Amino acid sequence: MSDMAIQVHRKRGLGQFIQKNWIGIAFQLPWIILFLTFVIVPVVVAFGLSLTDFNMFQPAKFVGLKNYELLIVEDNVFWTAMSNTLAYAVVVGPLGYFLSFFAAWVLNQLKMRNAFALAFYAPSITSSIALSTVWLYFFSSDRYGLINNSLINMGIIDEPILWTQNPNTILPVIIVISVWMSMGTGFLVFLAGLQNVDKSLYEAGAIDGIRSRFQELKYLTLPQMKPQLLFGAITAIIGAFGVFDVAVAVAGIPSPNYAGHTLVAHLYDYAFVRFQMGYASAVAVILFLITFVIGRIVMYALRD
C-alpha cells in the first residue's frame, strides 16, 4: 500500500471515529479547550520565554540556554530558594498529608463528624494572608506575642525571641503555619473517600479474622482509597512546592538572609519586581519539572 493510500485510510478512519463518537467528543470538548488554554499553552509559552531575554518593554531576544546557565551556575539566591523549598516540602508535604488522613480516619468514626469536618476545612477556604496575620500574633517578635509572653512568664527566656526576623527561626515558623493550613483540602477528600468505602467489606473482614481498627485500615480501607490517596498526594506536592503567600506574609520579600525565600518567591521577584520575564520563566520551568517528576513518582507508587 502506497503512502497516499495509507494517509487516505487514516483520514477515513479518523472521520469514522469522529462521526461515531461525536456526542462524547462534544461533551469532552470544553474540558479539552480549557486544558489546552490554561495548562498546555502556558507551559509551552513559559518554556519559550525561558530561552529569551524579555523585560516586557522591549521585544524578546533569543539567548538560548543562557538563563539556565546563569540560574544554575551564578545565582546563589536560587540555590538558597531551592534548599528552603525542598526543606519546606519534605516536612509540610508528608506531614500535612498524613495528618489530614489521620484526622479524617478518626473523625469518620464519630457521630458529629460534620461539625468537626467544617472546623478542619475552614482554614483552606480562608485567605492565607489573613491566617498568617492571625498566626503572627502567636509568633510576634516582641514580648507581647503569645508564645514570647508565655515563655517569659514561665521564666524560660529573658528576652523575646525574634521569630520572624531571626534567619534560624523564620523557616520553622513558616512550616508550622503551613502544616496547619494544609490539612483542609486533603482532609475533606479523605473523609469523602472513607465514607464511600463499602461497609460490607468490614463485615467480611471480621469474618475472615480482622479484629482491630488498624488491621481494617491496612487491609481494607487503604486499598479502597487509592484514588483519593493519589489526589491528596498530588495536591500536597503542588501546595508544598508552590509556597509563597505564607512565606511573604511571615518574613517579607526578600526575607532576612533569604531565610524564607522560596522558588515561587524567586520567580515573583524576577517577574514582577525586576521585570525579567525570561529569567523568571526559567525558574518556572525548573519548578514545573520538579513537581512533574515527583508527581509521576507518586502516581507510580499509588497506581492500581
Protein backbone atom coordinates (compact mmCIF):
# COMPACT_ATOMS: atom_id res chain seq x y z
CA MET A 1 0.00 0.00 0.00
CA SER A 2 1.40 3.40 -1.01
CA ASP A 3 1.89 6.31 1.40
CA MET A 4 -1.00 8.16 -0.28
CA ALA A 5 -3.34 5.23 0.29
CA ILE A 6 -2.24 4.93 3.93
CA GLN A 7 -2.97 8.62 4.54
CA VAL A 8 -6.40 8.31 2.90
CA HIS A 9 -7.15 5.25 5.03
CA ARG A 10 -6.14 7.09 8.21
CA LYS A 11 -8.29 10.10 7.34
CA ARG A 12 -11.26 7.85 6.69
CA GLY A 13 -10.65 6.04 9.98
CA LEU A 14 -10.43 9.33 11.87
CA GLY A 15 -13.57 10.62 10.17
CA GLN A 16 -15.48 7.46 11.02
CA PHE A 17 -14.28 7.66 14.63
CA ILE A 18 -15.46 11.29 14.96
CA GLN A 19 -18.77 10.50 13.29
CA LYS A 20 -19.38 7.54 15.56
CA ASN A 21 -18.31 9.24 18.82
CA TRP A 22 -19.24 12.87 18.17
CA ILE A 23 -21.50 13.09 21.23
CA GLY A 24 -18.72 12.03 23.60
CA ILE A 25 -16.26 14.35 21.85
CA ALA A 26 -18.72 17.24 22.17
CA PHE A 27 -19.03 16.66 25.92
CA GLN A 28 -15.25 16.49 26.32
CA LEU A 29 -14.52 19.47 24.08
CA PRO A 30 -15.00 22.21 26.76
CA TRP A 31 -12.56 20.43 29.08
CA ILE A 32 -10.07 19.90 26.24
CA ILE A 33 -10.24 23.59 25.28
CA LEU A 34 -9.75 24.73 28.89
CA PHE A 35 -6.92 22.23 29.42
CA LEU A 36 -5.10 23.40 26.30
CA THR A 37 -5.69 27.08 27.10
CA PHE A 38 -4.73 27.11 30.77
CA VAL A 39 -2.25 24.20 31.05
CA ILE A 40 -0.55 23.21 27.80
CA VAL A 41 -0.26 26.67 26.23
CA PRO A 42 1.17 28.36 29.38
CA VAL A 43 3.76 25.60 29.80
CA VAL A 44 4.85 25.89 26.16
CA VAL A 45 4.94 29.70 26.35
CA ALA A 46 6.93 29.62 29.60
CA PHE A 47 9.48 27.26 28.07
CA GLY A 48 9.76 29.51 25.02
CA LEU A 49 10.20 32.64 27.14
CA SER A 50 12.86 30.90 29.23
CA LEU A 51 15.06 30.88 26.13
CA THR A 52 14.81 34.65 25.70
CA ASP A 53 15.84 37.93 27.31
CA PHE A 54 12.46 39.61 27.78
CA ASN A 55 11.71 42.58 30.04
CA MET A 56 8.10 43.19 28.83
CA PHE A 57 9.06 46.64 27.46
CA GLN A 58 11.20 45.51 24.54
CA PRO A 59 10.84 42.63 22.08
CA ALA A 60 12.08 39.30 23.35
CA LYS A 61 15.63 38.43 22.32
CA PHE A 62 16.59 34.79 21.89
CA VAL A 63 19.51 33.81 24.16
CA GLY A 64 19.25 30.03 24.14
CA LEU A 65 20.14 28.32 27.42
CA LYS A 66 21.86 31.37 28.91
CA ASN A 67 19.12 31.90 31.51
CA TYR A 68 19.52 28.32 32.75
CA GLU A 69 23.28 28.71 32.83
CA LEU A 70 23.04 31.87 34.93
CA LEU A 71 20.42 30.29 37.15
CA ILE A 72 22.37 27.14 37.92
CA VAL A 73 25.95 28.43 37.89
CA GLU A 74 25.83 32.01 39.17
CA ASP A 75 22.58 32.57 41.06
CA ASN A 76 23.32 31.68 44.71
CA VAL A 77 19.94 33.02 45.82
CA PHE A 78 18.25 30.47 43.55
CA TRP A 79 20.01 27.63 45.35
CA THR A 80 19.04 29.13 48.70
CA ALA A 81 15.43 29.25 47.50
CA MET A 82 15.74 25.66 46.24
CA SER A 83 17.10 24.50 49.60
CA ASN A 84 14.35 26.31 51.52
CA THR A 85 11.63 24.96 49.24
CA LEU A 86 12.89 21.37 49.47
CA ALA A 87 13.21 21.58 53.27
CA TYR A 88 9.70 23.01 53.43
CA ALA A 89 8.25 20.42 51.04
CA VAL A 90 9.90 17.46 52.80
CA VAL A 91 8.23 18.45 56.08
CA VAL A 92 4.94 20.10 55.11
CA GLY A 93 4.01 17.77 52.23
CA PRO A 94 4.20 14.37 54.00
CA LEU A 95 3.27 15.69 57.45
CA GLY A 96 0.19 17.58 56.22
CA TYR A 97 -0.76 14.58 54.08
CA PHE A 98 -0.61 12.03 56.91
CA LEU A 99 -2.19 14.34 59.48
CA SER A 100 -5.06 15.03 57.06
CA PHE A 101 -5.68 11.32 56.58
CA PHE A 102 -5.35 10.51 60.28
CA ALA A 103 -7.79 13.28 61.24
CA ALA A 104 -10.27 12.10 58.58
CA TRP A 105 -9.92 8.49 59.73
CA VAL A 106 -10.57 9.40 63.37
CA LEU A 107 -13.45 11.79 62.69
CA ASN A 108 -15.12 9.33 60.32
CA GLN A 109 -15.78 7.14 63.34
CA LEU A 110 -17.53 9.93 65.26
CA LYS A 111 -21.22 10.80 65.13
CA MET A 112 -20.72 14.60 64.96
CA ARG A 113 -18.18 14.42 62.17
CA ASN A 114 -19.82 17.15 60.05
CA ALA A 115 -19.14 19.86 62.62
CA PHE A 116 -15.53 18.74 63.07
CA ALA A 117 -15.11 18.48 59.30
CA LEU A 118 -16.15 22.12 58.94
CA ALA A 119 -13.60 23.14 61.57
CA PHE A 120 -10.81 21.29 59.76
CA TYR A 121 -11.80 22.52 56.31
CA ALA A 122 -12.31 26.19 57.24
CA PRO A 123 -8.59 27.17 57.06
CA SER A 124 -8.34 26.01 53.43
CA ILE A 125 -11.09 28.39 52.29
CA THR A 126 -9.73 31.36 54.25
CA SER A 127 -7.18 33.77 52.84
CA SER A 128 -3.61 32.67 53.55
CA ILE A 129 -2.64 36.27 54.25
CA ALA A 130 -5.43 36.61 56.83
CA LEU A 131 -4.50 33.38 58.57
CA SER A 132 -0.81 34.29 58.55
CA THR A 133 -1.69 37.58 60.21
CA VAL A 134 -3.52 35.70 62.96
CA TRP A 135 -0.56 33.36 63.45
CA LEU A 136 1.80 36.34 63.63
CA TYR A 137 0.15 37.18 66.95
CA PHE A 138 1.49 33.88 68.26
CA PHE A 139 4.95 34.41 66.78
CA SER A 140 5.23 38.14 67.32
CA SER A 141 8.86 39.13 67.90
CA ASP A 142 8.08 41.44 70.86
CA ARG A 143 7.32 40.42 74.43
CA TYR A 144 3.57 40.80 73.81
CA GLY A 145 3.44 37.93 71.36
CA LEU A 146 1.56 34.95 72.79
CA ILE A 147 4.49 32.50 72.71
CA ASN A 148 7.12 35.01 73.87
CA ASN A 149 4.86 36.28 76.64
CA SER A 150 4.18 32.74 77.87
CA LEU A 151 7.87 31.77 77.81
CA ILE A 152 8.87 34.95 79.65
CA ASN A 153 6.18 34.48 82.32
CA MET A 154 7.37 30.89 82.87
CA GLY A 155 10.95 32.11 83.24
CA ILE A 156 12.22 30.08 80.29
CA ILE A 157 13.58 33.12 78.41
CA ASP A 158 14.57 36.64 79.45
CA GLU A 159 14.39 38.35 76.07
CA PRO A 160 11.75 37.83 73.37
CA ILE A 161 12.68 35.52 70.50
CA LEU A 162 12.72 37.24 67.11
CA TRP A 163 10.63 34.56 65.45
CA THR A 164 10.08 36.35 62.12
CA GLN A 165 13.39 38.23 62.00
CA ASN A 166 15.96 35.63 63.01
CA PRO A 167 17.08 33.60 59.95
CA ASN A 168 17.26 30.47 62.14
CA THR A 169 13.58 30.60 63.11
CA ILE A 170 11.87 32.02 60.01
CA LEU A 171 11.56 28.75 58.07
CA PRO A 172 10.34 26.71 61.09
CA VAL A 173 7.63 29.31 61.72
CA ILE A 174 6.54 29.15 58.07
CA ILE A 175 6.45 25.34 58.28
CA VAL A 176 4.33 25.31 61.46
CA ILE A 177 1.79 27.70 59.97
CA SER A 178 1.69 25.88 56.65
CA VAL A 179 1.19 22.42 58.17
CA TRP A 180 -1.90 23.68 59.98
CA MET A 181 -3.22 25.39 56.84
CA SER A 182 -2.51 22.47 54.50
CA MET A 183 -4.81 19.96 56.16
CA GLY A 184 -8.16 21.26 54.90
CA THR A 185 -8.49 20.10 51.29
CA GLY A 186 -6.79 16.74 51.78
CA PHE A 187 -8.84 16.11 54.90
CA LEU A 188 -12.13 16.67 53.04
CA VAL A 189 -11.08 14.36 50.18
CA PHE A 190 -10.01 11.61 52.57
CA LEU A 191 -13.20 11.93 54.61
CA ALA A 192 -15.30 11.57 51.47
CA GLY A 193 -13.29 8.52 50.44
CA LEU A 194 -13.69 6.91 53.85
CA GLN A 195 -17.45 7.39 53.78
CA ASN A 196 -17.68 5.75 50.36
CA VAL A 197 -15.89 2.54 51.37
CA ASP A 198 -18.31 -0.38 51.16
CA LYS A 199 -19.30 -1.28 54.73
CA SER A 200 -19.84 -4.92 53.76
CA LEU A 201 -16.07 -5.24 53.37
CA TYR A 202 -15.63 -4.71 57.10
CA GLU A 203 -18.22 -7.37 57.86
CA ALA A 204 -16.45 -9.80 55.55
CA GLY A 205 -13.11 -8.85 57.11
CA ALA A 206 -14.43 -9.53 60.60
CA ILE A 207 -15.49 -13.00 59.47
CA ASP A 208 -12.01 -13.60 57.97
CA GLY A 209 -10.24 -12.70 61.21
CA ILE A 210 -9.66 -8.95 61.18
CA ARG A 211 -10.09 -7.75 64.73
CA SER A 212 -8.64 -4.24 65.17
CA ARG A 213 -9.20 -0.84 63.56
CA PHE A 214 -5.62 -0.73 62.33
CA GLN A 215 -6.00 -4.09 60.58
CA GLU A 216 -9.14 -2.75 58.89
CA LEU A 217 -7.18 0.33 57.85
CA LYS A 218 -4.27 -1.65 56.41
CA TYR A 219 -6.10 -4.48 54.65
CA LEU A 220 -9.47 -2.96 53.73
CA THR A 221 -9.58 0.84 53.86
CA LEU A 222 -6.33 1.89 52.21
CA PRO A 223 -6.65 -0.43 49.17
CA GLN A 224 -10.14 1.00 48.51
CA MET A 225 -8.97 4.62 48.74
CA LYS A 226 -6.15 4.75 46.19
CA PRO A 227 -7.86 7.40 44.01
CA GLN A 228 -8.33 9.70 47.00
CA LEU A 229 -4.82 8.97 48.27
CA LEU A 230 -3.40 9.83 44.86
CA PHE A 231 -5.38 13.06 44.59
CA GLY A 232 -4.34 14.09 48.11
CA ALA A 233 -0.69 13.34 47.35
CA ILE A 234 -0.70 15.39 44.12
CA THR A 235 -2.35 18.38 45.80
CA ALA A 236 0.10 18.11 48.72
CA ILE A 237 3.06 18.16 46.32
CA ILE A 238 1.73 21.14 44.38
CA GLY A 239 0.95 23.03 47.57
CA ALA A 240 4.32 22.27 49.15
CA PHE A 241 6.39 23.41 46.17
CA GLY A 242 4.10 26.36 45.46
CA VAL A 243 4.52 28.03 48.85
CA PHE A 244 4.65 31.81 48.52
CA ASP A 245 1.96 33.87 50.27
CA VAL A 246 2.59 32.45 53.75
CA ALA A 247 6.36 32.95 53.43
CA VAL A 248 5.91 36.54 52.24
CA ALA A 249 3.35 37.34 54.95
CA VAL A 250 5.65 35.99 57.67
CA ALA A 251 9.10 37.15 56.55
CA GLY A 252 8.55 39.58 53.68
CA ILE A 253 10.32 39.62 50.34
CA PRO A 254 13.24 39.42 50.45
CA SER A 255 13.38 37.81 53.89
CA PRO A 256 16.38 38.32 56.20
CA ASN A 257 19.35 36.49 54.66
CA TYR A 258 16.80 34.92 52.29
CA ALA A 259 15.90 32.51 55.10
CA GLY A 260 12.26 32.32 53.95
CA HIS A 261 12.93 32.72 50.23
CA THR A 262 11.23 30.06 48.09
CA LEU A 263 11.26 29.19 44.39
CA VAL A 264 7.94 30.91 43.78
CA ALA A 265 9.18 33.99 45.64
CA HIS A 266 12.30 33.95 43.44
CA LEU A 267 10.10 33.69 40.37
CA TYR A 268 7.91 36.56 41.59
CA ASP A 269 10.94 38.72 42.34
CA TYR A 270 12.33 38.43 38.82
CA ALA A 271 8.97 38.53 37.05
CA PHE A 272 7.11 41.36 38.79
CA VAL A 273 9.82 43.34 40.60
CA ARG A 274 12.74 43.21 38.16
CA PHE A 275 10.59 42.52 35.06
CA GLN A 276 12.99 39.86 33.76
CA MET A 277 10.34 37.51 32.41
CA GLY A 278 12.77 35.30 30.52
CA TYR A 279 14.76 34.56 33.66
CA ALA A 280 11.59 34.12 35.71
CA SER A 281 10.26 31.67 33.10
CA ALA A 282 13.44 29.60 33.52
CA VAL A 283 12.69 29.36 37.25
CA ALA A 284 9.09 28.39 36.41
CA VAL A 285 10.24 25.63 34.03
CA ILE A 286 12.56 24.14 36.65
CA LEU A 287 9.79 24.27 39.26
CA PHE A 288 7.40 22.60 36.79
CA LEU A 289 9.90 19.82 36.06
CA ILE A 290 10.47 19.15 39.75
CA THR A 291 6.77 18.89 40.56
CA PHE A 292 6.09 16.86 37.40
CA VAL A 293 8.80 14.28 38.16
CA ILE A 294 7.79 13.91 41.81
CA GLY A 295 4.13 13.72 40.79
CA ARG A 296 4.89 10.90 38.34
CA ILE A 297 6.79 9.02 41.04
CA VAL A 298 3.82 9.32 43.39
CA MET A 299 1.39 8.24 40.66
CA TYR A 300 3.57 5.19 40.01
CA ALA A 301 3.68 4.35 43.74
CA LEU A 302 -0.10 4.69 44.19
CA ARG A 303 -1.15 3.10 40.91
CA ASP A 304 -3.80 0.38 40.99
